[in-house]
PDB file of N, CA and C in Angstrom:
ATOM      1  N   MET A   1      12.516  -6.632 -11.385  1.00  0.00           N
ATOM      2  CA  MET A   1      11.820  -8.011 -12.136  1.00  0.00           C
ATOM      3  C   MET A   1      11.624  -8.721 -10.898  1.00  0.00           C
ATOM      4  N   LYS A   2      10.332  -8.857 -10.851  1.00  0.00           N
ATOM      5  CA  LYS A   2       9.811  -9.769  -9.891  1.00  0.00           C
ATOM      6  C   LYS A   2       9.367 -11.174 -10.526  1.00  0.00           C
ATOM      7  N   SER A   3      10.212 -12.425 -10.038  1.00  0.00           N
ATOM      8  CA  SER A   3       9.633 -13.654 -10.562  1.00  0.00           C
ATOM      9  C   SER A   3       8.660 -14.485  -9.692  1.00  0.00           C
ATOM     10  N   GLN A   4       7.902 -15.285  -9.959  1.00  0.00           N
ATOM     11  CA  GLN A   4       6.962 -16.277  -9.182  1.00  0.00           C
ATOM     12  C   GLN A   4       8.212 -17.050  -8.535  1.00  0.00           C
ATOM     13  N   TYR A   5       9.431 -17.532  -9.259  1.00  0.00           N
ATOM     14  CA  TYR A   5      10.464 -18.086  -8.625  1.00  0.00           C
ATOM     15  C   TYR A   5      11.451 -17.374  -7.722  1.00  0.00           C
ATOM     16  N   HIS A   6      11.649 -17.414  -6.253  1.00  0.00           N
ATOM     17  CA  HIS A   6      12.870 -16.715  -6.015  1.00  0.00           C
ATOM     18  C   HIS A   6      13.299 -17.617  -4.752  1.00  0.00           C
ATOM     19  N   PHE A   7      14.155 -17.205  -4.266  1.00  0.00           N
ATOM     20  CA  PHE A   7      15.172 -17.325  -3.162  1.00  0.00           C
ATOM     21  C   PHE A   7      15.019 -16.479  -1.885  1.00  0.00           C
ATOM     22  N   ASN A   8      14.750 -16.829  -0.420  1.00  0.00           N
ATOM     23  CA  ASN A   8      14.827 -15.930   0.573  1.00  0.00           C
ATOM     24  C   ASN A   8      15.814 -14.969   0.382  1.00  0.00           C
ATOM     25  N   PHE A   9      17.098 -15.199   0.047  1.00  0.00           N
ATOM     26  CA  PHE A   9      17.946 -14.042  -0.098  1.00  0.00           C
ATOM     27  C   PHE A   9      17.670 -12.854  -0.879  1.00  0.00           C
ATOM     28  N   GLU A  10      16.663 -12.915  -1.914  1.00  0.00           N
ATOM     29  CA  GLU A  10      16.429 -12.095  -2.662  1.00  0.00           C
ATOM     30  C   GLU A  10      15.328 -11.269  -2.101  1.00  0.00           C
ATOM     31  N   GLU A  11      15.037 -11.052  -0.779  1.00  0.00           N
ATOM     32  CA  GLU A  11      14.157 -10.400   0.108  1.00  0.00           C
ATOM     33  C   GLU A  11      15.159  -9.604   0.942  1.00  0.00           C
ATOM     34  N   LEU A  12      16.446  -9.653   1.035  1.00  0.00           N
ATOM     35  CA  LEU A  12      17.322  -9.120   2.149  1.00  0.00           C
ATOM     36  C   LEU A  12      17.590  -7.473   1.294  1.00  0.00           C
ATOM     37  N   ILE A  13      17.190  -6.521   1.816  1.00  0.00           N
ATOM     38  CA  ILE A  13      17.600  -5.375   1.192  1.00  0.00           C
ATOM     39  C   ILE A  13      18.973  -5.051   0.737  1.00  0.00           C
ATOM     40  N   VAL A  14      19.750  -5.842   1.903  1.00  0.00           N
ATOM     41  CA  VAL A  14      21.329  -5.512   1.363  1.00  0.00           C
ATOM     42  C   VAL A  14      21.611  -6.170  -0.012  1.00  0.00           C
ATOM     43  N   TYR A  15      21.256  -7.240  -0.162  1.00  0.00           N
ATOM     44  CA  TYR A  15      21.096  -7.793  -1.517  1.00  0.00           C
ATOM     45  C   TYR A  15      20.821  -7.444  -2.594  1.00  0.00           C
ATOM     46  N   GLN A  16      19.438  -6.356  -2.656  1.00  0.00           N
ATOM     47  CA  GLN A  16      18.665  -5.856  -3.572  1.00  0.00           C
ATOM     48  C   GLN A  16      19.818  -4.648  -4.076  1.00  0.00           C
ATOM     49  N   LYS A  17      20.288  -3.765  -3.031  1.00  0.00           N
ATOM     50  CA  LYS A  17      21.081  -2.682  -3.216  1.00  0.00           C
ATOM     51  C   LYS A  17      22.526  -3.056  -3.435  1.00  0.00           C
ATOM     52  N   ALA A  18      22.976  -4.051  -3.198  1.00  0.00           N
ATOM     53  CA  ALA A  18      24.150  -4.674  -3.606  1.00  0.00           C
ATOM     54  C   ALA A  18      24.007  -4.974  -5.238  1.00  0.00           C
ATOM     55  N   ILE A  19      22.816  -5.851  -5.503  1.00  0.00           N
ATOM     56  CA  ILE A  19      22.693  -6.057  -7.223  1.00  0.00           C
ATOM     57  C   ILE A  19      22.562  -4.645  -7.975  1.00  0.00           C
ATOM     58  N   LYS A  20      21.692  -3.650  -7.387  1.00  0.00           N
ATOM     59  CA  LYS A  20      21.615  -2.116  -8.100  1.00  0.00           C
ATOM     60  C   LYS A  20      22.966  -1.631  -7.977  1.00  0.00           C
ATOM     61  N   TYR A  21      24.232  -1.816  -7.113  1.00  0.00           N
ATOM     62  CA  TYR A  21      25.138  -1.194  -7.081  1.00  0.00           C
ATOM     63  C   TYR A  21      26.022  -2.123  -8.418  1.00  0.00           C
ATOM     64  N   GLY A  22      26.118  -3.215  -8.595  1.00  0.00           N
ATOM     65  CA  GLY A  22      26.477  -3.879  -9.478  1.00  0.00           C
ATOM     66  C   GLY A  22      26.415  -3.548 -10.887  1.00  0.00           C
ATOM     67  N   GLU A  23      25.064  -3.020 -10.897  1.00  0.00           N
ATOM     68  CA  GLU A  23      24.342  -2.649 -12.297  1.00  0.00           C
ATOM     69  C   GLU A  23      24.910  -1.082 -12.798  1.00  0.00           C
ATOM     70  N   LEU A  24      24.953  -0.456 -11.567  1.00  0.00           N
ATOM     71  CA  LEU A  24      25.539   1.276 -11.485  1.00  0.00           C
ATOM     72  C   LEU A  24      26.684   0.947 -12.107  1.00  0.00           C
ATOM     73  N   VAL A  25      27.826   0.001 -11.267  1.00  0.00           N
ATOM     74  CA  VAL A  25      29.127   0.140 -12.004  1.00  0.00           C
ATOM     75  C   VAL A  25      29.420  -0.432 -13.409  1.00  0.00           C
ATOM     76  N   HIS A  26      28.608  -1.706 -13.591  1.00  0.00           N
ATOM     77  CA  HIS A  26      28.524  -2.118 -15.213  1.00  0.00           C
ATOM     78  C   HIS A  26      28.454  -0.792 -16.257  1.00  0.00           C
ATOM     79  N   LYS A  27      27.265   0.034 -15.757  1.00  0.00           N
ATOM     80  CA  LYS A  27      27.021   1.241 -16.822  1.00  0.00           C
ATOM     81  C   LYS A  27      28.363   2.319 -16.615  1.00  0.00           C
ATOM     82  N   GLN A  28      28.908   2.324 -15.532  1.00  0.00           N
ATOM     83  CA  GLN A  28      29.906   3.440 -15.671  1.00  0.00           C
ATOM     84  C   GLN A  28      30.779   3.071 -16.407  1.00  0.00           C
ATOM     85  N   LEU A  29      31.291   1.719 -16.432  1.00  0.00           N
ATOM     86  CA  LEU A  29      32.436   0.819 -17.185  1.00  0.00           C
ATOM     87  C   LEU A  29      32.498   1.334 -18.356  1.00  0.00           C
ATOM     88  N   ASN A  30      31.437   2.168 -18.941  1.00  0.00           N
ATOM     89  CA  ASN A  30      31.348   2.175 -20.630  1.00  0.00           C
ATOM     90  C   ASN A  30      32.115   3.619 -20.752  1.00  0.00           C
ATOM     91  N   ASN A  31      32.677   3.998 -19.929  1.00  0.00           N
ATOM     92  CA  ASN A  31      33.388   5.370 -19.967  1.00  0.00           C
ATOM     93  C   ASN A  31      34.982   5.375 -19.693  1.00  0.00           C
ATOM     94  N   PHE A  32      34.998   4.004 -19.503  1.00  0.00           N
ATOM     95  CA  PHE A  32      36.584   3.678 -19.387  1.00  0.00           C
ATOM     96  C   PHE A  32      37.061   3.166 -20.524  1.00  0.00           C
ATOM     97  N   THR A  33      38.326   3.716 -20.603  1.00  0.00           N
ATOM     98  CA  THR A  33      38.904   3.617 -21.926  1.00  0.00           C
ATOM     99  C   THR A  33      39.364   2.203 -22.302  1.00  0.00           C
ATOM    100  N   LYS A  34      39.550   1.735 -23.255  1.00  0.00           N
ATOM    101  CA  LYS A  34      40.049   0.335 -23.784  1.00  0.00           C
ATOM    102  C   LYS A  34      41.153  -0.201 -23.123  1.00  0.00           C
ATOM    103  N   ILE A  35      42.201   0.586 -22.780  1.00  0.00           N
ATOM    104  CA  ILE A  35      43.274   0.332 -22.093  1.00  0.00           C
ATOM    105  C   ILE A  35      43.091  -0.631 -20.793  1.00  0.00           C
ATOM    106  N   GLU A  36      41.912   0.017 -20.294  1.00  0.00           N
ATOM    107  CA  GLU A  36      41.656  -0.638 -18.659  1.00  0.00           C
ATOM    108  C   GLU A  36      40.804  -1.884 -18.915  1.00  0.00           C
ATOM    109  N   ASP A  37      40.609  -2.169 -20.214  1.00  0.00           N
ATOM    110  CA  ASP A  37      39.424  -3.613 -20.200  1.00  0.00           C
ATOM    111  C   ASP A  37      40.277  -4.464 -19.161  1.00  0.00           C
ATOM    112  N   TYR A  38      41.200  -4.805 -19.559  1.00  0.00           N
ATOM    113  CA  TYR A  38      41.665  -5.870 -18.303  1.00  0.00           C
ATOM    114  C   TYR A  38      42.496  -5.437 -16.856  1.00  0.00           C
ATOM    115  N   ARG A  39      42.367  -4.222 -16.786  1.00  0.00           N
ATOM    116  CA  ARG A  39      43.142  -3.881 -15.821  1.00  0.00           C
ATOM    117  C   ARG A  39      42.022  -3.095 -14.774  1.00  0.00           C
ATOM    118  N   LEU A  40      41.828  -2.049 -14.508  1.00  0.00           N
ATOM    119  CA  LEU A  40      40.822  -1.309 -13.288  1.00  0.00           C
ATOM    120  C   LEU A  40      39.267  -2.180 -13.755  1.00  0.00           C
ATOM    121  N   SER A  41      38.658  -1.994 -14.918  1.00  0.00           N
ATOM    122  CA  SER A  41      37.583  -2.007 -15.323  1.00  0.00           C
ATOM    123  C   SER A  41      37.270  -3.945 -14.939  1.00  0.00           C
ATOM    124  N   PHE A  42      38.183  -4.718 -15.424  1.00  0.00           N
ATOM    125  CA  PHE A  42      37.792  -6.024 -15.357  1.00  0.00           C
ATOM    126  C   PHE A  42      37.343  -6.010 -13.675  1.00  0.00           C
ATOM    127  N   GLN A  43      38.551  -5.414 -12.798  1.00  0.00           N
ATOM    128  CA  GLN A  43      38.777  -5.766 -11.642  1.00  0.00           C
ATOM    129  C   GLN A  43      37.609  -5.015 -11.004  1.00  0.00           C
ATOM    130  N   PHE A  44      37.101  -3.935 -11.272  1.00  0.00           N
ATOM    131  CA  PHE A  44      35.937  -3.153 -10.810  1.00  0.00           C
ATOM    132  C   PHE A  44      34.712  -4.062 -10.967  1.00  0.00           C
ATOM    133  N   ALA A  45      34.400  -4.368 -12.064  1.00  0.00           N
ATOM    134  CA  ALA A  45      33.050  -5.192 -12.672  1.00  0.00           C
ATOM    135  C   ALA A  45      33.310  -6.397 -11.831  1.00  0.00           C
ATOM    136  N   ARG A  46      34.152  -7.089 -11.460  1.00  0.00           N
ATOM    137  CA  ARG A  46      34.152  -8.502 -10.954  1.00  0.00           C
ATOM    138  C   ARG A  46      33.797  -8.142  -9.218  1.00  0.00           C
ATOM    139  N   VAL A  47      34.646  -7.021  -8.697  1.00  0.00           N
ATOM    140  CA  VAL A  47      34.436  -6.868  -7.306  1.00  0.00           C
ATOM    141  C   VAL A  47      32.897  -6.140  -6.812  1.00  0.00           C
ATOM    142  N   ALA A  48      32.484  -5.456  -7.917  1.00  0.00           N
ATOM    143  CA  ALA A  48      31.139  -4.827  -7.595  1.00  0.00           C
ATOM    144  C   ALA A  48      30.016  -5.979  -7.791  1.00  0.00           C
ATOM    145  N   ASP A  49      30.338  -7.188  -8.485  1.00  0.00           N
ATOM    146  CA  ASP A  49      29.633  -8.276  -8.731  1.00  0.00           C
ATOM    147  C   ASP A  49      29.422  -8.710  -7.585  1.00  0.00           C
ATOM    148  N   SER A  50      30.733  -9.306  -6.904  1.00  0.00           N
ATOM    149  CA  SER A  50      31.072 -10.060  -5.848  1.00  0.00           C
ATOM    150  C   SER A  50      30.162  -9.844  -4.598  1.00  0.00           C
ATOM    151  N   VAL A  51      29.919  -8.727  -4.581  1.00  0.00           N
ATOM    152  CA  VAL A  51      29.103  -8.270  -2.950  1.00  0.00           C
ATOM    153  C   VAL A  51      27.717  -9.178  -3.270  1.00  0.00           C
ATOM    154  N   ALA A  52      26.988  -9.071  -4.313  1.00  0.00           N
ATOM    155  CA  ALA A  52      25.693  -9.910  -4.069  1.00  0.00           C
ATOM    156  C   ALA A  52      25.953 -10.948  -4.677  1.00  0.00           C
ATOM    157  N   PHE A  53      26.909 -11.389  -5.163  1.00  0.00           N
ATOM    158  CA  PHE A  53      27.272 -13.324  -5.495  1.00  0.00           C
ATOM    159  C   PHE A  53      27.367 -13.754  -3.805  1.00  0.00           C
ATOM    160  N   ASN A  54      28.106 -13.109  -3.012  1.00  0.00           N
ATOM    161  CA  ASN A  54      28.184 -13.385  -1.946  1.00  0.00           C
ATOM    162  C   ASN A  54      27.364 -13.811  -1.041  1.00  0.00           C
ATOM    163  N   ILE A  55      26.794 -12.858  -1.074  1.00  0.00           N
ATOM    164  CA  ILE A  55      25.229 -12.890  -0.088  1.00  0.00           C
ATOM    165  C   ILE A  55      24.698 -14.008  -0.834  1.00  0.00           C
ATOM    166  N   ALA A  56      24.227 -14.083  -1.767  1.00  0.00           N
ATOM    167  CA  ALA A  56      23.404 -15.062  -2.491  1.00  0.00           C
ATOM    168  C   ALA A  56      24.009 -16.441  -2.135  1.00  0.00           C
ATOM    169  N   GLU A  57      25.350 -16.884  -2.158  1.00  0.00           N
ATOM    170  CA  GLU A  57      26.066 -17.928  -2.242  1.00  0.00           C
ATOM    171  C   GLU A  57      26.087 -18.422  -0.967  1.00  0.00           C
ATOM    172  N   GLY A  58      26.381 -17.343   0.080  1.00  0.00           N
ATOM    173  CA  GLY A  58      26.158 -17.767   1.561  1.00  0.00           C
ATOM    174  C   GLY A  58      24.710 -18.010   1.982  1.00  0.00           C
ATOM    175  N   SER A  59      24.077 -17.681   1.627  1.00  0.00           N
ATOM    176  CA  SER A  59      22.527 -17.795   2.070  1.00  0.00           C
ATOM    177  C   SER A  59      22.039 -19.102   2.464  1.00  0.00           C
ATOM    178  N   GLY A  60      22.283 -19.865   1.455  1.00  0.00           N
ATOM    179  CA  GLY A  60      21.578 -21.370   1.980  1.00  0.00           C
ATOM    180  C   GLY A  60      22.541 -22.065   2.652  1.00  0.00           C
ATOM    181  N   SER A  61      23.628 -21.650   3.644  1.00  0.00           N
ATOM    182  CA  SER A  61      24.552 -22.224   4.607  1.00  0.00           C
ATOM    183  C   SER A  61      24.157 -22.162   6.002  1.00  0.00           C
ATOM    184  N   SER A  62      24.856 -22.946   6.685  1.00  0.00           N
ATOM    185  CA  SER A  62      24.571 -22.520   8.290  1.00  0.00           C
ATOM    186  C   SER A  62      24.715 -21.082   8.304  1.00  0.00           C
ATOM    187  N   ASP A  63      24.549 -20.691   9.548  1.00  0.00           N
ATOM    188  CA  ASP A  63      24.574 -19.275   9.812  1.00  0.00           C
ATOM    189  C   ASP A  63      26.244 -18.824   9.774  1.00  0.00           C
ATOM    190  N   ALA A  64      27.025 -20.096  10.636  1.00  0.00           N
ATOM    191  CA  ALA A  64      28.519 -19.844  10.650  1.00  0.00           C
ATOM    192  C   ALA A  64      29.466 -19.597   9.214  1.00  0.00           C
ATOM    193  N   SER A  65      28.601 -20.200   8.165  1.00  0.00           N
ATOM    194  CA  SER A  65      29.226 -20.145   6.927  1.00  0.00           C
ATOM    195  C   SER A  65      28.678 -18.769   6.128  1.00  0.00           C
ATOM    196  N   PHE A  66      27.171 -18.503   6.310  1.00  0.00           N
ATOM    197  CA  PHE A  66      27.033 -17.507   5.812  1.00  0.00           C
ATOM    198  C   PHE A  66      27.400 -16.281   6.299  1.00  0.00           C
ATOM    199  N   LEU A  67      27.902 -16.289   7.315  1.00  0.00           N
ATOM    200  CA  LEU A  67      28.610 -15.295   8.379  1.00  0.00           C
ATOM    201  C   LEU A  67      30.445 -15.190   7.375  1.00  0.00           C
ATOM    202  N   ASN A  68      30.421 -16.056   7.004  1.00  0.00           N
ATOM    203  CA  ASN A  68      31.860 -16.049   6.166  1.00  0.00           C
ATOM    204  C   ASN A  68      31.904 -15.530   4.874  1.00  0.00           C
ATOM    205  N   TYR A  69      30.757 -15.847   4.302  1.00  0.00           N
ATOM    206  CA  TYR A  69      30.495 -15.293   2.983  1.00  0.00           C
ATOM    207  C   TYR A  69      30.046 -13.601   3.032  1.00  0.00           C
ATOM    208  N   LEU A  70      29.431 -13.533   4.178  1.00  0.00           N
ATOM    209  CA  LEU A  70      29.103 -11.858   4.190  1.00  0.00           C
ATOM    210  C   LEU A  70      30.436 -11.263   4.601  1.00  0.00           C
ATOM    211  N   LYS A  71      31.236 -11.811   5.178  1.00  0.00           N
ATOM    212  CA  LYS A  71      32.598 -11.235   5.581  1.00  0.00           C
ATOM    213  C   LYS A  71      33.265 -10.974   3.868  1.00  0.00           C
ATOM    214  N   ILE A  72      33.208 -11.862   3.238  1.00  0.00           N
ATOM    215  CA  ILE A  72      33.833 -11.714   2.176  1.00  0.00           C
ATOM    216  C   ILE A  72      33.032 -10.578   1.231  1.00  0.00           C
ATOM    217  N   ALA A  73      31.716 -10.648   1.212  1.00  0.00           N
ATOM    218  CA  ALA A  73      31.077  -9.621   0.768  1.00  0.00           C
ATOM    219  C   ALA A  73      31.217  -7.966   1.234  1.00  0.00           C
ATOM    220  N   ARG A  74      31.568  -8.131   2.413  1.00  0.00           N
ATOM    221  CA  ARG A  74      31.836  -6.475   3.023  1.00  0.00           C
ATOM    222  C   ARG A  74      33.200  -6.358   2.632  1.00  0.00           C
ATOM    223  N   ASP A  75      34.257  -7.009   2.653  1.00  0.00           N
ATOM    224  CA  ASP A  75      35.594  -7.119   2.219  1.00  0.00           C
ATOM    225  C   ASP A  75      35.514  -6.372   0.482  1.00  0.00           C
ATOM    226  N   SER A  76      34.565  -7.177  -0.415  1.00  0.00           N
ATOM    227  CA  SER A  76      34.370  -7.059  -1.508  1.00  0.00           C
ATOM    228  C   SER A  76      33.838  -5.574  -1.560  1.00  0.00           C
ATOM    229  N   SER A  77      32.935  -5.000  -0.833  1.00  0.00           N
ATOM    230  CA  SER A  77      32.525  -3.722  -0.783  1.00  0.00           C
ATOM    231  C   SER A  77      33.529  -2.346  -0.532  1.00  0.00           C
ATOM    232  N   ARG A  78      34.401  -3.327   0.394  1.00  0.00           N
ATOM    233  CA  ARG A  78      35.513  -1.989   0.834  1.00  0.00           C
ATOM    234  C   ARG A  78      36.214  -1.907  -0.501  1.00  0.00           C
ATOM    235  N   GLU A  79      36.755  -3.128  -1.353  1.00  0.00           N
ATOM    236  CA  GLU A  79      37.583  -2.880  -2.168  1.00  0.00           C
ATOM    237  C   GLU A  79      37.008  -2.138  -3.514  1.00  0.00           C
ATOM    238  N   CYS A  80      35.662  -2.201  -3.752  1.00  0.00           N
ATOM    239  CA  CYS A  80      34.694  -1.308  -4.600  1.00  0.00           C
ATOM    240  C   CYS A  80      35.391   0.275  -4.075  1.00  0.00           C
ATOM    241  N   MET A  81      35.479   0.818  -2.905  1.00  0.00           N
ATOM    242  CA  MET A  81      35.584   1.926  -2.693  1.00  0.00           C
ATOM    243  C   MET A  81      37.060   2.393  -3.441  1.00  0.00           C
ATOM    244  N   ALA A  82      37.856   1.493  -3.182  1.00  0.00           N
ATOM    245  CA  ALA A  82      39.194   1.587  -4.043  1.00  0.00           C
ATOM    246  C   ALA A  82      39.405   2.014  -5.347  1.00  0.00           C
ATOM    247  N   ALA A  83      38.356   0.987  -5.894  1.00  0.00           N
ATOM    248  CA  ALA A  83      38.083   0.896  -7.377  1.00  0.00           C
ATOM    249  C   ALA A  83      37.182   2.196  -8.027  1.00  0.00           C
ATOM    250  N   THR A  84      36.548   2.520  -6.731  1.00  0.00           N
ATOM    251  CA  THR A  84      35.922   3.866  -7.295  1.00  0.00           C
ATOM    252  C   THR A  84      36.774   5.166  -7.141  1.00  0.00           C
ATOM    253  N   THR A  85      37.408   4.843  -6.120  1.00  0.00           N
ATOM    254  CA  THR A  85      38.712   6.349  -6.016  1.00  0.00           C
ATOM    255  C   THR A  85      39.539   6.187  -7.270  1.00  0.00           C
ATOM    256  N   LYS A  86      39.922   4.897  -7.601  1.00  0.00           N
ATOM    257  CA  LYS A  86      40.987   4.950  -8.977  1.00  0.00           C
ATOM    258  C   LYS A  86      39.924   5.216 -10.232  1.00  0.00           C
ATOM    259  N   ALA A  87      38.684   4.988 -10.090  1.00  0.00           N
ATOM    260  CA  ALA A  87      38.108   5.466 -11.331  1.00  0.00           C
ATOM    261  C   ALA A  87      38.233   7.083 -11.465  1.00  0.00           C
ATOM    262  N   TYR A  88      37.556   7.444 -10.336  1.00  0.00           N
ATOM    263  CA  TYR A  88      37.293   9.010  -9.896  1.00  0.00           C
ATOM    264  C   TYR A  88      38.876   9.711 -10.484  1.00  0.00           C
ATOM    265  N   LEU A  89      40.054   9.313 -10.003  1.00  0.00           N
ATOM    266  CA  LEU A  89      41.397   9.757 -10.147  1.00  0.00           C
ATOM    267  C   LEU A  89      41.603   9.756 -11.833  1.00  0.00           C
ATOM    268  N   ARG A  90      41.062   8.710 -12.536  1.00  0.00           N
ATOM    269  CA  ARG A  90      41.835   8.571 -13.838  1.00  0.00           C
ATOM    270  C   ARG A  90      40.764   9.123 -14.795  1.00  0.00           C
ATOM    271  N   ASN A  91      39.554  10.028 -14.122  1.00  0.00           N
ATOM    272  CA  ASN A  91      38.775  10.808 -14.433  1.00  0.00           C
ATOM    273  C   ASN A  91      37.899  10.000 -15.394  1.00  0.00           C
ATOM    274  N   TYR A  92      37.459   8.677 -15.174  1.00  0.00           N
ATOM    275  CA  TYR A  92      36.372   7.672 -15.603  1.00  0.00           C
ATOM    276  C   TYR A  92      34.999   7.905 -15.357  1.00  0.00           C
ATOM    277  N   ILE A  93      35.099   8.555 -13.766  1.00  0.00           N
ATOM    278  CA  ILE A  93      33.625   8.774 -13.611  1.00  0.00           C
ATOM    279  C   ILE A  93      33.810  10.104 -12.854  1.00  0.00           C
ATOM    280  N   THR A  94      32.465  10.836 -12.279  1.00  0.00           N
ATOM    281  CA  THR A  94      32.431  12.008 -12.130  1.00  0.00           C
ATOM    282  C   THR A  94      32.335  12.345 -10.739  1.00  0.00           C
ATOM    283  N   TYR A  95      33.024  13.252 -10.250  1.00  0.00           N
ATOM    284  CA  TYR A  95      32.783  13.207  -8.452  1.00  0.00           C
ATOM    285  C   TYR A  95      31.410  13.109  -8.184  1.00  0.00           C
ATOM    286  N   LYS A  96      30.352  13.404  -8.418  1.00  0.00           N
ATOM    287  CA  LYS A  96      29.184  13.170  -8.402  1.00  0.00           C
ATOM    288  C   LYS A  96      28.651  11.660  -8.450  1.00  0.00           C
ATOM    289  N   GLU A  97      29.331  11.183  -9.406  1.00  0.00           N
ATOM    290  CA  GLU A  97      29.358   9.576  -9.403  1.00  0.00           C
ATOM    291  C   GLU A  97      30.380   8.730  -8.233  1.00  0.00           C
ATOM    292  N   SER A  98      31.450   9.316  -8.327  1.00  0.00           N
ATOM    293  CA  SER A  98      31.830   8.627  -7.214  1.00  0.00           C
ATOM    294  C   SER A  98      31.261   8.862  -5.708  1.00  0.00           C
ATOM    295  N   GLU A  99      30.835  10.161  -5.388  1.00  0.00           N
ATOM    296  CA  GLU A  99      30.248  10.363  -4.178  1.00  0.00           C
ATOM    297  C   GLU A  99      28.873   9.305  -4.162  1.00  0.00           C
ATOM    298  N   ASN A 100      28.252   8.976  -5.157  1.00  0.00           N
ATOM    299  CA  ASN A 100      27.313   8.310  -5.055  1.00  0.00           C
ATOM    300  C   ASN A 100      27.295   6.772  -4.901  1.00  0.00           C
ATOM    301  N   ASN A 101      28.754   6.406  -5.457  1.00  0.00           N
ATOM    302  CA  ASN A 101      29.189   5.319  -5.175  1.00  0.00           C
ATOM    303  C   ASN A 101      29.696   4.997  -3.588  1.00  0.00           C
ATOM    304  N   TRP A 102      30.401   5.902  -3.453  1.00  0.00           N
ATOM    305  CA  TRP A 102      30.656   5.663  -1.961  1.00  0.00           C
ATOM    306  C   TRP A 102      29.527   5.850  -0.932  1.00  0.00           C
ATOM    307  N   SER A 103      28.405   6.489  -1.366  1.00  0.00           N
ATOM    308  CA  SER A 103      27.515   6.755  -0.341  1.00  0.00           C
ATOM    309  C   SER A 103      26.647   4.888  -0.207  1.00  0.00           C
ATOM    310  N   LEU A 104      26.505   4.437  -1.509  1.00  0.00           N
ATOM    311  CA  LEU A 104      25.785   3.239  -1.605  1.00  0.00           C
ATOM    312  C   LEU A 104      26.694   2.148  -0.934  1.00  0.00           C
ATOM    313  N   LEU A 105      28.134   2.343  -1.274  1.00  0.00           N
ATOM    314  CA  LEU A 105      28.912   1.458  -0.507  1.00  0.00           C
ATOM    315  C   LEU A 105      28.977   1.645   1.186  1.00  0.00           C
ATOM    316  N   VAL A 106      28.788   2.828   1.541  1.00  0.00           N
ATOM    317  CA  VAL A 106      28.902   2.743   2.895  1.00  0.00           C
ATOM    318  C   VAL A 106      27.386   2.156   3.469  1.00  0.00           C
ATOM    319  N   GLU A 107      26.637   2.572   2.934  1.00  0.00           N
ATOM    320  CA  GLU A 107      25.103   1.986   3.131  1.00  0.00           C
ATOM    321  C   GLU A 107      25.413   0.441   3.511  1.00  0.00           C
ATOM    322  N   ILE A 108      25.530  -0.091   2.210  1.00  0.00           N
ATOM    323  CA  ILE A 108      25.683  -1.608   2.036  1.00  0.00           C
ATOM    324  C   ILE A 108      26.543  -2.174   3.175  1.00  0.00           C
ATOM    325  N   ASN A 109      27.845  -1.302   3.325  1.00  0.00           N
ATOM    326  CA  ASN A 109      28.985  -1.646   4.382  1.00  0.00           C
ATOM    327  C   ASN A 109      27.967  -2.267   5.767  1.00  0.00           C
ATOM    328  N   LYS A 110      27.369  -1.049   6.015  1.00  0.00           N
ATOM    329  CA  LYS A 110      26.548  -1.091   7.396  1.00  0.00           C
ATOM    330  C   LYS A 110      25.705  -2.185   7.328  1.00  0.00           C
ATOM    331  N   MET A 111      24.669  -2.426   6.417  1.00  0.00           N
ATOM    332  CA  MET A 111      23.872  -3.249   6.196  1.00  0.00           C
ATOM    333  C   MET A 111      24.897  -4.561   6.739  1.00  0.00           C
ATOM    334  N   LEU A 112      25.721  -4.916   6.030  1.00  0.00           N
ATOM    335  CA  LEU A 112      26.266  -6.125   6.086  1.00  0.00           C
ATOM    336  C   LEU A 112      26.805  -6.074   7.435  1.00  0.00           C
ATOM    337  N   SER A 113      27.440  -5.554   7.949  1.00  0.00           N
ATOM    338  CA  SER A 113      27.853  -5.119   9.113  1.00  0.00           C
ATOM    339  C   SER A 113      26.697  -5.518  10.386  1.00  0.00           C
ATOM    340  N   ALA A 114      25.596  -5.128  10.176  1.00  0.00           N
ATOM    341  CA  ALA A 114      24.582  -5.439  11.100  1.00  0.00           C
ATOM    342  C   ALA A 114      23.986  -6.641  10.900  1.00  0.00           C
ATOM    343  N   LEU A 115      23.436  -7.056   9.567  1.00  0.00           N
ATOM    344  CA  LEU A 115      23.500  -8.642   9.497  1.00  0.00           C
ATOM    345  C   LEU A 115      24.013  -9.616  10.190  1.00  0.00           C
ATOM    346  N   MET A 116      25.607  -9.073  10.029  1.00  0.00           N
ATOM    347  CA  MET A 116      26.890 -10.034  10.776  1.00  0.00           C
ATOM    348  C   MET A 116      26.616 -10.046  11.953  1.00  0.00           C
ATOM    349  N   LYS A 117      26.133  -8.976  12.612  1.00  0.00           N
ATOM    350  CA  LYS A 117      26.007  -8.796  14.256  1.00  0.00           C
ATOM    351  C   LYS A 117      24.819  -9.301  14.441  1.00  0.00           C
ATOM    352  N   HIS A 118      23.999  -9.609  13.588  1.00  0.00           N
ATOM    353  CA  HIS A 118      22.365 -10.246  13.990  1.00  0.00           C
ATOM    354  C   HIS A 118      22.938 -11.679  13.870  1.00  0.00           C
ATOM    355  N   LEU A 119      23.631 -12.544  13.351  1.00  0.00           N
ATOM    356  CA  LEU A 119      23.848 -13.650  13.080  1.00  0.00           C
ATOM    357  C   LEU A 119      24.662 -14.446  14.132  1.00  0.00           C
ATOM    358  N   LYS A 120      25.523 -13.423  14.615  1.00  0.00           N
ATOM    359  CA  LYS A 120      26.643 -13.639  15.445  1.00  0.00           C
ATOM    360  C   LYS A 120      25.711 -13.562  17.040  1.00  0.00           C
ATOM    361  N   ASP A 121      25.039 -12.735  17.106  1.00  0.00           N
ATOM    362  CA  ASP A 121      24.118 -12.750  18.269  1.00  0.00           C
ATOM    363  C   ASP A 121      23.223 -13.675  18.507  1.00  0.00           C
ATOM    364  N   LYS A 122      22.969 -14.088  17.327  1.00  0.00           N
ATOM    365  CA  LYS A 122      21.649 -15.150  17.553  1.00  0.00           C
ATOM    366  C   LYS A 122      22.111 -16.667  17.576  1.00  0.00           C
ATOM    367  N   ASN A 123      23.434 -16.512  17.648  1.00  0.00           N
ATOM    368  CA  ASN A 123      24.176 -17.956  18.006  1.00  0.00           C
ATOM    369  C   ASN A 123      25.104 -17.826  19.064  1.00  0.00           C
ATOM    370  N   THR A 124      24.800 -16.979  19.613  1.00  0.00           N
ATOM    371  CA  THR A 124      25.734 -16.990  21.342  1.00  0.00           C
ATOM    372  C   THR A 124      24.628 -17.116  22.381  1.00  0.00           C
TER     373      THR A 124
END
């Protein structure tokens, strides 16, 4: 979806991947049992969306503030790793789906780390 109205952070590839990851998790949550609605599925949905939300929220701030938001986004991506593992162990997602999640999360994590390093280097 390309709108004529956009913010600069939307051009960041890491943001685009984080958005796609959140939507992927949203689709996977359809396989979760009702009992998980307020447990794993709620937490998984929240943290999966948190990655993109923190990139977006911090982007309009100073570099130092943006760096803190990127740290939170990276922490959220790591929490997603644990949620993916739990979902797999509880048979809500397949091994192939979990591998895909982990692959995307590793990539997002590396991109966040690189962006954080860039911001740190820029300000030293």
